[in-house]
Amino acid sequence: LVAGLTGVVLAACSPIGVAAGPSARVATAETT
C-alpha cells in the first residue's frame, strides 16, 4: 500500500505527469 501510494504521489508531482494544459507551466515553475 505504501509503495503504491508513493508511486501515485510521485506521478502526480512529476512535470511529465502534468505536461498537458495550463497547469504544465505551473508544474514547470514548481520544479525549476
PDB file of all heavy atoms in Angstrom:
ATOM      1  N   LEU A   1       0.821  -1.198   0.000  1.00  0.00           N
ATOM      2  CA  LEU A   1       0.000   0.000   0.000  1.00  0.00           C
ATOM      3  C   LEU A   1       0.867   1.264   0.000  1.00  0.00           C
ATOM      4  O   LEU A   1       0.629   2.203  -0.749  1.00  0.00           O
ATOM      5  CB  LEU A   1      -0.938  -0.012   1.211  1.00  0.00           C
ATOM      6  CG  LEU A   1      -1.893   1.163   1.336  1.00  0.00           C
ATOM      7  CD1 LEU A   1      -2.827   1.233   0.142  1.00  0.00           C
ATOM      8  CD2 LEU A   1      -2.685   1.060   2.627  1.00  0.00           C
ATOM      9  N   VAL A   2       1.908   1.281   0.851  1.00  0.00           N
ATOM     10  CA  VAL A   2       2.821   2.431   0.909  1.00  0.00           C
ATOM     11  C   VAL A   2       3.534   2.602  -0.420  1.00  0.00           C
ATOM     12  O   VAL A   2       3.644   3.714  -0.945  1.00  0.00           O
ATOM     13  CB  VAL A   2       3.827   2.266   2.074  1.00  0.00           C
ATOM     14  CG1 VAL A   2       4.947   3.279   1.974  1.00  0.00           C
ATOM     15  CG2 VAL A   2       3.111   2.363   3.401  1.00  0.00           C
ATOM     16  N   ALA A   3       4.001   1.522  -1.017  1.00  0.00           N
ATOM     17  CA  ALA A   3       4.699   1.609  -2.301  1.00  0.00           C
ATOM     18  C   ALA A   3       3.764   2.126  -3.388  1.00  0.00           C
ATOM     19  O   ALA A   3       4.141   2.965  -4.205  1.00  0.00           O
ATOM     20  CB  ALA A   3       5.262   0.248  -2.690  1.00  0.00           C
ATOM     21  N   GLY A   4       2.527   1.647  -3.381  1.00  0.00           N
ATOM     22  CA  GLY A   4       1.558   2.101  -4.382  1.00  0.00           C
ATOM     23  C   GLY A   4       1.219   3.569  -4.216  1.00  0.00           C
ATOM     24  O   GLY A   4       1.162   4.326  -5.187  1.00  0.00           O
ATOM     25  N   LEU A   5       1.012   4.019  -2.986  1.00  0.00           N
ATOM     26  CA  LEU A   5       0.716   5.434  -2.736  1.00  0.00           C
ATOM     27  C   LEU A   5       1.901   6.318  -3.089  1.00  0.00           C
ATOM     28  O   LEU A   5       1.738   7.408  -3.622  1.00  0.00           O
ATOM     29  CB  LEU A   5       0.303   5.644  -1.277  1.00  0.00           C
ATOM     30  CG  LEU A   5      -1.085   5.131  -0.914  1.00  0.00           C
ATOM     31  CD1 LEU A   5      -1.313   5.273   0.586  1.00  0.00           C
ATOM     32  CD2 LEU A   5      -2.150   5.863  -1.681  1.00  0.00           C
ATOM     33  N   THR A   6       3.103   5.856  -2.795  1.00  0.00           N
ATOM     34  CA  THR A   6       4.300   6.616  -3.139  1.00  0.00           C
ATOM     35  C   THR A   6       4.383   6.812  -4.650  1.00  0.00           C
ATOM     36  O   THR A   6       4.690   7.895  -5.139  1.00  0.00           O
ATOM     37  CB  THR A   6       5.573   5.919  -2.613  1.00  0.00           C
ATOM     38  OG1 THR A   6       5.447   5.769  -1.207  1.00  0.00           O
ATOM     39  CG2 THR A   6       6.829   6.701  -2.952  1.00  0.00           C
ATOM     40  N   GLY A   7       4.078   5.768  -5.399  1.00  0.00           N
ATOM     41  CA  GLY A   7       4.090   5.867  -6.858  1.00  0.00           C
ATOM     42  C   GLY A   7       3.067   6.868  -7.363  1.00  0.00           C
ATOM     43  O   GLY A   7       3.331   7.666  -8.274  1.00  0.00           O
ATOM     44  N   VAL A   8       1.878   6.875  -6.763  1.00  0.00           N
ATOM     45  CA  VAL A   8       0.835   7.825  -7.170  1.00  0.00           C
ATOM     46  C   VAL A   8       1.268   9.244  -6.854  1.00  0.00           C
ATOM     47  O   VAL A   8       1.118  10.167  -7.664  1.00  0.00           O
ATOM     48  CB  VAL A   8      -0.509   7.476  -6.476  1.00  0.00           C
ATOM     49  CG1 VAL A   8      -1.518   8.595  -6.670  1.00  0.00           C
ATOM     50  CG2 VAL A   8      -1.044   6.160  -6.990  1.00  0.00           C
ATOM     51  N   VAL A   9       1.817   9.459  -5.657  1.00  0.00           N
ATOM     52  CA  VAL A   9       2.273  10.790  -5.262  1.00  0.00           C
ATOM     53  C   VAL A   9       3.384  11.270  -6.184  1.00  0.00           C
ATOM     54  O   VAL A   9       3.382  12.409  -6.662  1.00  0.00           O
ATOM     55  CB  VAL A   9       2.712  10.810  -3.778  1.00  0.00           C
ATOM     56  CG1 VAL A   9       3.430  12.098  -3.444  1.00  0.00           C
ATOM     57  CG2 VAL A   9       1.525  10.598  -2.868  1.00  0.00           C
ATOM     58  N   LEU A  10       4.361  10.416  -6.461  1.00  0.00           N
ATOM     59  CA  LEU A  10       5.462  10.817  -7.342  1.00  0.00           C
ATOM     60  C   LEU A  10       4.966  11.121  -8.748  1.00  0.00           C
ATOM     61  O   LEU A  10       5.406  12.072  -9.385  1.00  0.00           O
ATOM     62  CB  LEU A  10       6.543   9.734  -7.377  1.00  0.00           C
ATOM     63  CG  LEU A  10       7.372   9.595  -6.104  1.00  0.00           C
ATOM     64  CD1 LEU A  10       8.310   8.402  -6.223  1.00  0.00           C
ATOM     65  CD2 LEU A  10       8.141  10.857  -5.807  1.00  0.00           C
ATOM     66  N   ALA A  11       4.031  10.334  -9.251  1.00  0.00           N
ATOM     67  CA  ALA A  11       3.492  10.584 -10.586  1.00  0.00           C
ATOM     68  C   ALA A  11       2.745  11.917 -10.634  1.00  0.00           C
ATOM     69  O   ALA A  11       2.825  12.655 -11.604  1.00  0.00           O
ATOM     70  CB  ALA A  11       2.568   9.444 -11.010  1.00  0.00           C
ATOM     71  N   ALA A  12       2.036  12.231  -9.549  1.00  0.00           N
ATOM     72  CA  ALA A  12       1.295  13.490  -9.511  1.00  0.00           C
ATOM     73  C   ALA A  12       2.226  14.685  -9.444  1.00  0.00           C
ATOM     74  O   ALA A  12       1.920  15.756  -9.958  1.00  0.00           O
ATOM     75  CB  ALA A  12       0.337  13.503  -8.319  1.00  0.00           C
ATOM     76  N   CYS A  13       3.385  14.534  -8.819  1.00  0.00           N
ATOM     77  CA  CYS A  13       4.329  15.644  -8.676  1.00  0.00           C
ATOM     78  C   CYS A  13       5.255  15.791  -9.874  1.00  0.00           C
ATOM     79  O   CYS A  13       5.939  16.784 -10.008  1.00  0.00           O
ATOM     80  CB  CYS A  13       5.186  15.454  -7.416  1.00  0.00           C
ATOM     81  SG  CYS A  13       4.223  15.595  -5.909  1.00  0.00           S
ATOM     82  N   SER A  14       5.313  14.804 -10.716  1.00  0.00           N
ATOM     83  CA  SER A  14       6.226  14.832 -11.851  1.00  0.00           C
ATOM     84  C   SER A  14       5.740  15.805 -12.907  1.00  0.00           C
ATOM     85  O   SER A  14       4.569  15.816 -13.254  1.00  0.00           O
ATOM     86  CB  SER A  14       6.317  13.422 -12.452  1.00  0.00           C
ATOM     87  OG  SER A  14       6.932  13.471 -13.710  1.00  0.00           O
ATOM     88  N   PRO A  15       6.646  16.636 -13.470  1.00  0.00           N
ATOM     89  CA  PRO A  15       6.230  17.535 -14.541  1.00  0.00           C
ATOM     90  C   PRO A  15       5.744  16.775 -15.767  1.00  0.00           C
ATOM     91  O   PRO A  15       4.927  17.249 -16.511  1.00  0.00           O
ATOM     92  CB  PRO A  15       7.472  18.360 -14.875  1.00  0.00           C
ATOM     93  CG  PRO A  15       8.542  17.919 -13.976  1.00  0.00           C
ATOM     94  CD  PRO A  15       8.021  16.828 -13.109  1.00  0.00           C
ATOM     95  N   ILE A  16       6.251  15.550 -15.938  1.00  0.00           N
ATOM     96  CA  ILE A  16       5.804  14.759 -17.084  1.00  0.00           C
ATOM     97  C   ILE A  16       4.349  14.370 -16.901  1.00  0.00           C
ATOM     98  O   ILE A  16       3.569  14.368 -17.834  1.00  0.00           O
ATOM     99  CB  ILE A  16       6.705  13.516 -17.260  1.00  0.00           C
ATOM    100  CG1 ILE A  16       8.107  13.969 -17.597  1.00  0.00           C
ATOM    101  CG2 ILE A  16       6.156  12.575 -18.313  1.00  0.00           C
ATOM    102  CD1 ILE A  16       9.138  12.879 -17.556  1.00  0.00           C
ATOM    103  N   GLY A  17       3.955  14.070 -15.665  1.00  0.00           N
ATOM    104  CA  GLY A  17       2.586  13.672 -15.385  1.00  0.00           C
ATOM    105  C   GLY A  17       1.586  14.795 -15.571  1.00  0.00           C
ATOM    106  O   GLY A  17       0.407  14.550 -15.695  1.00  0.00           O
ATOM    107  N   VAL A  18       2.029  16.047 -15.610  1.00  0.00           N
ATOM    108  CA  VAL A  18       1.109  17.181 -15.753  1.00  0.00           C
ATOM    109  C   VAL A  18       1.488  18.047 -16.938  1.00  0.00           C
ATOM    110  O   VAL A  18       1.249  19.227 -16.954  1.00  0.00           O
ATOM    111  CB  VAL A  18       1.076  18.032 -14.460  1.00  0.00           C
ATOM    112  CG1 VAL A  18       0.429  17.277 -13.337  1.00  0.00           C
ATOM    113  CG2 VAL A  18       2.452  18.526 -14.089  1.00  0.00           C
ATOM    114  N   ALA A  19       2.053  17.434 -17.948  1.00  0.00           N
ATOM    115  CA  ALA A  19       2.570  18.209 -19.070  1.00  0.00           C
ATOM    116  C   ALA A  19       1.489  18.791 -19.960  1.00  0.00           C
ATOM    117  O   ALA A  19       1.765  19.647 -20.774  1.00  0.00           O
ATOM    118  CB  ALA A  19       3.507  17.336 -19.897  1.00  0.00           C
ATOM    119  N   ALA A  20       0.266  18.350 -19.826  1.00  0.00           N
ATOM    120  CA  ALA A  20      -0.779  18.875 -20.696  1.00  0.00           C
ATOM    121  C   ALA A  20      -1.537  20.004 -19.998  1.00  0.00           C
ATOM    122  O   ALA A  20      -1.677  20.009 -18.792  1.00  0.00           O
ATOM    123  CB  ALA A  20      -1.743  17.755 -21.062  1.00  0.00           C
ATOM    124  N   GLY A  21      -2.034  20.957 -20.779  1.00  0.00           N
ATOM    125  CA  GLY A  21      -2.885  22.017 -20.254  1.00  0.00           C
ATOM    126  C   GLY A  21      -2.134  23.139 -19.583  1.00  0.00           C
ATOM    127  O   GLY A  21      -0.913  23.148 -19.516  1.00  0.00           O
ATOM    128  N   PRO A  22      -2.883  24.152 -19.073  1.00  0.00           N
ATOM    129  CA  PRO A  22      -2.267  25.338 -18.469  1.00  0.00           C
ATOM    130  C   PRO A  22      -1.467  25.023 -17.214  1.00  0.00           C
ATOM    131  O   PRO A  22      -0.576  25.760 -16.850  1.00  0.00           O
ATOM    132  CB  PRO A  22      -3.446  26.253 -18.145  1.00  0.00           C
ATOM    133  CG  PRO A  22      -4.674  25.548 -18.563  1.00  0.00           C
ATOM    134  CD  PRO A  22      -4.311  24.229 -19.130  1.00  0.00           C
ATOM    135  N   SER A  23      -1.784  23.908 -16.547  1.00  0.00           N
ATOM    136  CA  SER A  23      -1.044  23.593 -15.329  1.00  0.00           C
ATOM    137  C   SER A  23       0.387  23.155 -15.619  1.00  0.00           C
ATOM    138  O   SER A  23       1.204  23.068 -14.710  1.00  0.00           O
ATOM    139  CB  SER A  23      -1.778  22.537 -14.521  1.00  0.00           C
ATOM    140  OG  SER A  23      -1.854  21.341 -15.266  1.00  0.00           O
ATOM    141  N   ALA A  24       0.723  22.874 -16.878  1.00  0.00           N
ATOM    142  CA  ALA A  24       2.082  22.475 -17.231  1.00  0.00           C
ATOM    143  C   ALA A  24       3.077  23.586 -16.892  1.00  0.00           C
ATOM    144  O   ALA A  24       4.160  23.323 -16.385  1.00  0.00           O
ATOM    145  CB  ALA A  24       2.170  22.127 -18.713  1.00  0.00           C
ATOM    146  N   ARG A  25       2.702  24.841 -17.141  1.00  0.00           N
ATOM    147  CA  ARG A  25       3.602  25.954 -16.823  1.00  0.00           C
ATOM    148  C   ARG A  25       3.786  26.090 -15.325  1.00  0.00           C
ATOM    149  O   ARG A  25       4.874  26.383 -14.845  1.00  0.00           O
ATOM    150  CB  ARG A  25       3.073  27.250 -17.423  1.00  0.00           C
ATOM    151  CG  ARG A  25       3.218  27.285 -18.935  1.00  0.00           C
ATOM    152  CD  ARG A  25       2.736  28.578 -19.466  1.00  0.00           C
ATOM    153  NE  ARG A  25       1.288  28.602 -19.243  1.00  0.00           N
ATOM    154  CZ  ARG A  25       0.431  29.241 -19.994  1.00  0.00           C
ATOM    155  NH1 ARG A  25       0.852  29.972 -20.981  1.00  0.00           N
ATOM    156  NH2 ARG A  25      -0.858  29.207 -19.759  1.00  0.00           N
ATOM    157  N   VAL A  26       2.728  25.844 -14.568  1.00  0.00           N
ATOM    158  CA  VAL A  26       2.821  25.904 -13.110  1.00  0.00           C
ATOM    159  C   VAL A  26       3.710  24.783 -12.607  1.00  0.00           C
ATOM    160  O   VAL A  26       4.561  24.989 -11.736  1.00  0.00           O
ATOM    161  CB  VAL A  26       1.421  25.846 -12.467  1.00  0.00           C
ATOM    162  CG1 VAL A  26       1.512  25.738 -10.956  1.00  0.00           C
ATOM    163  CG2 VAL A  26       0.605  27.061 -12.873  1.00  0.00           C
ATOM    164  N   ALA A  27       3.539  23.575 -13.158  1.00  0.00           N
ATOM    165  CA  ALA A  27       4.382  22.453 -12.750  1.00  0.00           C
ATOM    166  C   ALA A  27       5.843  22.729 -13.064  1.00  0.00           C
ATOM    167  O   ALA A  27       6.722  22.447 -12.249  1.00  0.00           O
ATOM    168  CB  ALA A  27       3.918  21.178 -13.452  1.00  0.00           C
ATOM    169  N   THR A  28       6.104  23.305 -14.236  1.00  0.00           N
ATOM    170  CA  THR A  28       7.480  23.658 -14.590  1.00  0.00           C
ATOM    171  C   THR A  28       8.022  24.695 -13.613  1.00  0.00           C
ATOM    172  O   THR A  28       9.157  24.585 -13.151  1.00  0.00           O
ATOM    173  CB  THR A  28       7.545  24.207 -16.032  1.00  0.00           C
ATOM    174  OG1 THR A  28       7.068  23.202 -16.915  1.00  0.00           O
ATOM    175  CG2 THR A  28       8.951  24.604 -16.412  1.00  0.00           C
ATOM    176  N   ALA A  29       7.213  25.667 -13.261  1.00  0.00           N
ATOM    177  CA  ALA A  29       7.641  26.698 -12.316  1.00  0.00           C
ATOM    178  C   ALA A  29       7.952  26.095 -10.954  1.00  0.00           C
ATOM    179  O   ALA A  29       8.916  26.482 -10.296  1.00  0.00           O
ATOM    180  CB  ALA A  29       6.572  27.772 -12.181  1.00  0.00           C
ATOM    181  N   GLU A  30       7.131  25.118 -10.518  1.00  0.00           N
ATOM    182  CA  GLU A  30       7.367  24.499  -9.217  1.00  0.00           C
ATOM    183  C   GLU A  30       8.640  23.663  -9.203  1.00  0.00           C
ATOM    184  O   GLU A  30       9.326  23.596  -8.195  1.00  0.00           O
ATOM    185  CB  GLU A  30       6.161  23.654  -8.818  1.00  0.00           C
ATOM    186  CG  GLU A  30       4.960  24.492  -8.452  1.00  0.00           C
ATOM    187  CD  GLU A  30       3.708  23.672  -8.193  1.00  0.00           C
ATOM    188  OE1 GLU A  30       3.683  22.459  -8.501  1.00  0.00           O
ATOM    189  OE2 GLU A  30       2.739  24.260  -7.672  1.00  0.00           O
ATOM    190  N   THR A  31       8.977  23.027 -10.315  1.00  0.00           N
ATOM    191  CA  THR A  31      10.179  22.182 -10.326  1.00  0.00           C
ATOM    192  C   THR A  31      11.445  22.957 -10.669  1.00  0.00           C
ATOM    193  O   THR A  31      12.509  22.636 -10.177  1.00  0.00           O
ATOM    194  CB  THR A  31      10.008  21.006 -11.316  1.00  0.00           C
ATOM    195  OG1 THR A  31       9.740  21.521 -12.610  1.00  0.00           O
ATOM    196  CG2 THR A  31       8.903  20.083 -10.871  1.00  0.00           C
ATOM    197  N   THR A  32      11.334  23.975 -11.520  1.00  0.00           N
ATOM    198  CA  THR A  32      12.541  24.707 -11.939  1.00  0.00           C
ATOM    199  C   THR A  32      12.670  26.071 -11.286  1.00  0.00           C
ATOM    200  O   THR A  32      13.685  26.727 -11.440  1.00  0.00           O
ATOM    201  CB  THR A  32      12.533  24.924 -13.467  1.00  0.00           C
ATOM    202  OG1 THR A  32      11.439  25.777 -13.811  1.00  0.00           O
ATOM    203  CG2 THR A  32      12.459  23.611 -14.217  1.00  0.00           C
TER     204      THR A  32
END
